[in-house]
């Protein structure tokens, strides 16, 4: 068995009645040649890329940022991903009633991979609010662009990025708000950026291929 993460190995191995030969081989990502992240004196734009699914908690992120904006915090939010009827329906109702908010929160829907890089480069903070993943490719991609990341307090998300006060309860809007506020200072964002960019180098396709072929050759 090939597992993507130690977390996956622990969960699945506990369900197996027989011992099996296994290895952990994370998938790779297309590597950015240098850290794209820059702290600019522009709007504090939070980026969340994920299709609108119940376990992705897109609506909770939307509501958290909405409340922060109402409280006078100068931030914006860009949501990218295939829309659904339930979560997006609630968002449309809120945006329809508030013209000011429509300039602060953009719900863009699905965007092709060829056009996604400009959104990574324009973001000041990446947020990932999923409660259920194996090895979230989107997080790894954001790391490769050097983005500071806040994410859920669940594995494997919390195992991918390390810093203080960056994990939140994705079901708790107040906790999402608090974590955003704790991660708005430039010096912390820069440190997170450097750490995430370096960590992204552990996810190389050449390593994935080499380890996979070696494991298959030994065990098949």
Protein backbone atom coordinates (compact mmCIF):
# COMPACT_ATOMS: atom_id res chain seq x y z
CA UNK A 1 0.00 0.00 0.00
CA UNK A 2 1.24 3.48 -0.88
CA UNK A 3 0.05 6.21 1.47
CA UNK A 4 0.30 9.93 0.80
CA UNK A 5 0.72 10.95 4.44
CA UNK A 6 1.53 9.53 7.86
CA UNK A 7 -1.98 10.56 8.88
CA UNK A 8 -3.52 8.40 6.14
CA UNK A 9 -1.31 5.48 7.10
CA UNK A 10 -2.39 5.64 10.74
CA UNK A 11 -6.09 5.87 9.93
CA UNK A 12 -6.17 3.08 7.35
CA UNK A 13 -3.67 0.72 9.00
CA UNK A 14 -5.86 0.60 12.09
CA UNK A 15 -8.69 -0.74 9.93
CA UNK A 16 -6.66 -3.52 8.28
CA UNK A 17 -6.90 -7.01 9.75
CA UNK A 18 -3.64 -8.15 8.16
CA UNK A 19 -0.27 -6.46 8.10
CA UNK A 20 0.73 -5.17 4.68
CA UNK A 21 3.89 -3.76 3.24
CA UNK A 22 3.50 -0.02 2.97
CA UNK A 23 5.34 3.20 2.30
CA UNK A 24 4.56 6.91 2.51
CA UNK A 25 5.10 8.71 -0.80
CA UNK A 26 3.53 12.16 -1.10
CA UNK A 27 2.63 13.36 -4.55
CA UNK A 28 4.57 16.21 -6.09
CA UNK A 29 3.65 19.68 -7.28
CA UNK A 30 4.90 21.89 -10.05
CA UNK A 31 7.60 23.91 -8.32
CA UNK A 32 7.83 27.68 -8.54
CA UNK A 33 11.49 28.63 -9.18
CA UNK A 34 11.50 31.35 -6.52
CA UNK A 35 9.33 32.69 -3.72
CA UNK A 36 6.69 34.92 -5.32
CA UNK A 37 5.46 36.42 -2.07
CA UNK A 38 5.86 40.13 -1.45
CA UNK A 39 4.41 42.28 1.32
CA UNK A 40 2.84 45.25 -0.44
CA UNK A 41 1.02 48.25 0.97
CA UNK A 42 -2.18 47.21 -0.71
CA UNK A 43 -5.43 45.69 0.48
CA UNK A 44 -5.11 42.65 2.71
CA UNK A 45 -6.51 40.04 0.35
CA UNK A 46 -7.33 36.57 1.69
CA UNK A 47 -7.50 33.80 -0.90
CA UNK A 48 -9.40 30.52 -0.58
CA UNK A 49 -9.38 28.11 -3.52
CA UNK A 50 -11.71 25.12 -3.23
CA UNK A 51 -14.90 23.83 -4.81
CA UNK A 52 -18.01 24.56 -2.77
CA UNK A 53 -18.57 21.31 -0.89
CA UNK A 54 -19.99 20.84 2.63
CA UNK A 55 -16.68 19.77 4.18
CA UNK A 56 -14.82 22.71 2.63
CA UNK A 57 -16.74 25.21 4.80
CA UNK A 58 -16.66 27.99 2.19
CA UNK A 59 -19.70 29.64 3.75
CA UNK A 60 -18.15 29.81 7.22
CA UNK A 61 -15.13 31.60 5.73
CA UNK A 62 -17.41 34.01 3.89
CA UNK A 63 -19.40 34.79 7.04
CA UNK A 64 -16.26 35.23 9.15
CA UNK A 65 -14.76 37.75 6.74
CA UNK A 66 -18.13 39.47 6.37
CA UNK A 67 -18.27 40.01 10.14
CA UNK A 68 -14.69 41.32 10.23
CA UNK A 69 -15.47 43.81 7.46
CA UNK A 70 -18.61 44.93 9.35
CA UNK A 71 -16.40 45.45 12.40
CA UNK A 72 -14.11 47.76 10.42
CA UNK A 73 -11.23 45.44 9.55
CA UNK A 74 -9.74 46.43 6.18
CA UNK A 75 -9.57 43.08 4.38
CA UNK A 76 -10.88 41.49 1.21
CA UNK A 77 -11.68 37.89 0.32
CA UNK A 78 -11.42 36.03 -2.98
CA UNK A 79 -13.22 32.68 -3.22
CA UNK A 80 -12.36 30.49 -6.20
CA UNK A 81 -13.97 27.14 -6.96
CA UNK A 82 -17.00 25.48 -8.49
CA UNK A 83 -20.11 26.96 -6.85
CA UNK A 84 -22.96 25.01 -5.33
CA UNK A 85 -26.59 25.96 -4.69
CA UNK A 86 -26.60 25.86 -0.89
CA UNK A 87 -23.49 27.71 0.26
CA UNK A 88 -23.34 30.06 -2.71
CA UNK A 89 -27.06 30.67 -2.42
CA UNK A 90 -26.54 32.02 1.11
CA UNK A 91 -23.64 34.17 -0.09
CA UNK A 92 -25.72 35.68 -2.90
CA UNK A 93 -28.40 36.70 -0.42
CA UNK A 94 -25.88 38.53 1.75
CA UNK A 95 -24.11 40.19 -1.18
CA UNK A 96 -27.40 41.29 -2.75
CA UNK A 97 -28.29 43.25 0.37
CA UNK A 98 -24.87 44.89 0.76
CA UNK A 99 -23.38 46.76 -2.19
CA UNK A 100 -20.28 47.74 -0.17
CA UNK A 101 -19.57 44.10 0.60
CA UNK A 102 -19.62 43.20 -3.10
CA UNK A 103 -16.47 45.32 -3.50
CA UNK A 104 -14.80 43.43 -0.66
CA UNK A 105 -15.72 39.79 -1.28
CA UNK A 106 -15.37 38.24 -4.73
CA UNK A 107 -16.91 34.83 -5.44
CA UNK A 108 -15.35 33.96 -8.78
CA UNK A 109 -16.36 30.36 -9.35
CA UNK A 110 -14.16 27.89 -11.19
CA UNK A 111 -11.04 29.25 -12.91
CA UNK A 112 -8.73 27.30 -15.22
CA UNK A 113 -5.36 26.24 -13.86
CA UNK A 114 -3.66 28.34 -16.54
CA UNK A 115 -5.12 31.52 -15.02
CA UNK A 116 -4.85 30.71 -11.34
CA UNK A 117 -1.26 31.85 -10.70
CA UNK A 118 -2.11 35.56 -10.73
CA UNK A 119 -4.46 35.04 -7.79
CA UNK A 120 -1.73 33.31 -5.80
CA UNK A 121 0.62 36.19 -6.57
CA UNK A 122 -1.89 38.85 -5.50
CA UNK A 123 -2.89 37.23 -2.20
CA UNK A 124 -1.52 38.31 1.16
CA UNK A 125 -2.83 35.32 3.11
CA UNK A 126 -4.05 31.91 1.98
CA UNK A 127 -6.84 30.25 3.96
CA UNK A 128 -7.77 26.58 3.75
CA UNK A 129 -10.87 25.55 5.72
CA UNK A 130 -11.42 21.93 4.74
CA UNK A 131 -12.18 19.41 7.46
CA UNK A 132 -11.40 16.23 5.48
CA UNK A 133 -8.39 15.65 3.22
CA UNK A 134 -5.67 13.14 2.41
CA UNK A 135 -2.98 15.46 1.04
CA UNK A 136 -4.52 18.75 -0.14
CA UNK A 137 -2.87 19.70 -3.41
CA UNK A 138 -4.15 23.29 -3.20
CA UNK A 139 -2.28 23.86 0.06
CA UNK A 140 0.94 22.51 -1.44
CA UNK A 141 0.50 24.75 -4.46
CA UNK A 142 0.00 27.81 -2.23
CA UNK A 143 3.15 26.85 -0.32
CA UNK A 144 5.10 26.70 -3.56
CA UNK A 145 4.09 30.30 -4.25
CA UNK A 146 5.38 31.21 -0.81
CA UNK A 147 1.99 32.13 0.60
CA UNK A 148 1.47 32.39 4.36
CA UNK A 149 -1.28 29.92 5.27
CA UNK A 150 -3.85 29.55 8.02
CA UNK A 151 -5.81 26.32 8.10
CA UNK A 152 -7.95 23.93 10.10
CA UNK A 153 -6.78 22.31 13.31
CA UNK A 154 -7.10 18.85 11.76
CA UNK A 155 -4.61 16.49 10.14
CA UNK A 156 -3.16 16.40 7.60
CA UNK A 157 -3.58 20.19 7.17
CA UNK A 158 -1.94 21.10 10.46
CA UNK A 159 0.96 18.76 9.63
CA UNK A 160 1.86 20.63 6.44
CA UNK A 161 2.45 24.14 7.78
CA UNK A 162 3.99 25.19 11.08
CA UNK A 163 3.69 28.46 12.97
CA UNK A 164 1.90 29.85 16.01
CA UNK A 165 -1.80 30.72 15.97
CA UNK A 166 -2.46 29.51 12.41
CA UNK A 167 -4.96 26.71 13.10
CA UNK A 168 -8.70 27.21 13.57
CA UNK A 169 -11.91 25.28 14.11
CA UNK A 170 -13.55 25.38 10.68
CA UNK A 171 -17.02 25.08 12.26
CA UNK A 172 -16.46 28.09 14.52
CA UNK A 173 -16.82 31.46 12.74
CA UNK A 174 -15.43 33.31 15.77
CA UNK A 175 -12.32 31.14 15.75
CA UNK A 176 -11.77 31.77 12.02
CA UNK A 177 -12.04 35.52 12.69
CA UNK A 178 -9.60 35.36 15.59
CA UNK A 179 -7.04 33.41 13.56
CA UNK A 180 -7.23 35.89 10.67
CA UNK A 181 -6.61 38.80 13.06
CA UNK A 182 -3.62 37.02 14.60
CA UNK A 183 -1.98 36.68 11.17
CA UNK A 184 -2.05 40.15 9.66
CA UNK A 185 1.37 41.52 10.68
CA UNK A 186 3.97 41.81 7.93
CA UNK A 187 6.88 40.31 9.87
CA UNK A 188 4.93 37.17 10.72
CA UNK A 189 3.61 36.85 7.17
CA UNK A 190 7.16 37.02 5.79
CA UNK A 191 8.42 34.36 8.19
CA UNK A 192 5.51 32.08 7.31
CA UNK A 193 6.16 32.68 3.62
CA UNK A 194 9.81 31.64 3.86
CA UNK A 195 8.98 28.55 5.90
CA UNK A 196 6.18 27.40 3.58
CA UNK A 197 8.21 27.94 0.42
CA UNK A 198 11.08 25.84 1.78
CA UNK A 199 8.69 23.13 2.95
CA UNK A 200 7.13 22.92 -0.52
CA UNK A 201 10.45 21.62 -1.85
CA UNK A 202 9.74 18.31 -0.10
CA UNK A 203 7.00 17.63 -2.67
CA UNK A 204 8.86 16.88 -5.90
CA UNK A 205 7.51 14.71 -8.70
CA UNK A 206 10.94 13.24 -9.36
CA UNK A 207 11.04 11.96 -5.76
CA UNK A 208 7.53 10.58 -6.08
CA UNK A 209 8.42 8.68 -9.26
CA UNK A 210 11.73 7.37 -7.93
CA UNK A 211 10.27 6.11 -4.64
CA UNK A 212 7.23 4.60 -6.32
CA UNK A 213 9.25 2.65 -8.90
CA UNK A 214 11.65 1.42 -6.20
CA UNK A 215 8.79 0.25 -4.00
CA UNK A 216 7.02 -1.53 -6.88
CA UNK A 217 10.24 -3.22 -8.01
CA UNK A 218 10.89 -4.52 -4.51
CA UNK A 219 7.38 -5.76 -3.78
CA UNK A 220 5.83 -6.90 -7.08
